[in-house]
Amino acid sequence: ATVVEITDDVAFEDRVMKEGGCWAVLFTASTRPEESTKALRQFELLAQAAPQITFGTADVDAVRGVVSEFNMRKRMIPRVLGLVSRPQIFKSTKLL
């Protein structure tokens, strides 16, 4: 399975929140490239192992509205957020 790049708040809303199924989204920060690159490699392996989940990645600076909605901060990055629908976050966990 491939990892979908989520480029902005509108794309997050259209893809993650409106599509059915289960999503796991890795939030990264371009200002923390070493941590983000390492986390993305691990995330890609997870995506291959779990094809029933849609995997996406988003830079916190590109999806500021989403980051605010889910109360995330750059110091929390990289972080995986699992979503079934807007009110149901099934897991938010620090990666690494």
Protein backbone atom coordinates (compact mmCIF):
# COMPACT_ATOMS: atom_id res chain seq x y z
CA ALA A 1 0.00 0.00 0.00
CA THR A 2 1.14 3.54 -0.62
CA VAL A 3 1.05 6.48 1.76
CA VAL A 4 -1.18 9.35 0.65
CA GLU A 5 0.35 12.82 0.95
CA ILE A 6 -2.13 15.26 2.46
CA THR A 7 -1.08 18.71 1.29
CA ASP A 8 -3.48 21.07 3.08
CA ASP A 9 -6.52 21.36 5.33
CA VAL A 10 -8.97 21.02 2.42
CA ALA A 11 -7.32 17.79 1.27
CA PHE A 12 -7.46 16.45 4.84
CA GLU A 13 -11.16 17.24 5.08
CA ASP A 14 -11.95 15.79 1.64
CA ARG A 15 -9.87 12.64 1.94
CA VAL A 16 -9.61 11.67 5.57
CA MET A 17 -12.81 13.04 7.07
CA LYS A 18 -15.23 12.41 4.21
CA GLU A 19 -14.01 9.07 2.85
CA GLY A 20 -15.12 5.90 4.53
CA GLY A 21 -12.88 3.45 6.29
CA CYS A 22 -10.08 3.78 8.74
CA TRP A 23 -7.17 6.20 8.35
CA ALA A 24 -3.80 6.45 10.06
CA VAL A 25 -2.16 9.82 9.48
CA LEU A 26 1.47 10.51 10.30
CA PHE A 27 2.07 14.15 11.16
CA THR A 28 5.60 15.34 10.44
CA ALA A 29 7.43 18.67 10.48
CA SER A 30 9.71 19.91 7.73
CA THR A 31 11.64 21.73 10.45
CA ARG A 32 12.48 18.34 12.01
CA PRO A 33 13.65 16.37 8.94
CA GLU A 34 15.69 13.69 10.71
CA GLU A 35 12.85 12.57 12.97
CA SER A 36 10.28 12.89 10.20
CA THR A 37 12.28 10.83 7.69
CA LYS A 38 12.87 8.04 10.18
CA ALA A 39 9.19 7.98 11.17
CA LEU A 40 8.06 7.97 7.53
CA ARG A 41 10.19 4.90 6.74
CA GLN A 42 8.57 3.02 9.62
CA PHE A 43 5.13 4.26 8.60
CA GLU A 44 5.61 2.98 5.03
CA LEU A 45 6.38 -0.47 6.42
CA LEU A 46 3.20 -0.35 8.50
CA ALA A 47 1.23 0.62 5.39
CA GLN A 48 2.48 -2.47 3.57
CA ALA A 49 1.54 -4.70 6.49
CA ALA A 50 -2.00 -3.32 6.96
CA PRO A 51 -3.71 -2.80 3.58
CA GLN A 52 -7.14 -2.52 5.23
CA ILE A 53 -6.13 0.88 6.63
CA THR A 54 -5.53 3.96 4.49
CA PHE A 55 -2.26 5.62 5.45
CA GLY A 56 -1.55 9.30 4.95
CA THR A 57 1.09 11.82 5.90
CA ALA A 58 0.83 15.55 6.51
CA ASP A 59 3.26 18.30 7.43
CA VAL A 60 2.03 20.26 10.44
CA ASP A 61 2.79 23.56 8.71
CA ALA A 62 0.59 22.60 5.74
CA VAL A 63 -2.42 21.51 7.80
CA ARG A 64 -2.54 24.14 10.52
CA GLY A 65 -6.32 23.90 10.94
CA VAL A 66 -6.17 20.14 11.47
CA VAL A 67 -3.28 20.49 13.91
CA SER A 68 -5.29 23.04 15.87
CA GLU A 69 -8.44 20.90 15.82
CA PHE A 70 -6.61 17.91 17.27
CA ASN A 71 -4.52 20.04 19.66
CA MET A 72 -1.12 18.98 18.35
CA ARG A 73 2.16 20.86 18.69
CA LYS A 74 5.43 20.57 16.81
CA ARG A 75 7.11 19.21 19.92
CA MET A 76 4.71 16.23 19.65
CA ILE A 77 5.87 15.37 16.13
CA PRO A 78 6.15 12.77 14.69
CA ARG A 79 2.73 11.55 15.77
CA VAL A 80 0.26 9.10 14.27
CA LEU A 81 -3.42 9.87 14.50
CA GLY A 82 -5.91 7.11 13.79
CA LEU A 83 -9.37 8.17 12.66
CA VAL A 84 -12.62 6.42 11.88
CA SER A 85 -14.71 9.61 11.73
CA ARG A 86 -14.41 13.15 13.09
CA PRO A 87 -15.65 12.46 16.62
CA GLN A 88 -13.93 9.09 16.93
CA ILE A 89 -10.17 9.25 17.26
CA PHE A 90 -9.16 5.70 17.99
CA LYS A 91 -5.54 6.37 18.87
CA SER A 92 -3.01 9.15 18.93
CA THR A 93 0.47 7.96 19.60
CA LYS A 94 4.02 9.24 19.49
CA LEU A 95 6.08 7.46 16.88
CA LEU A 96 9.68 6.63 17.86
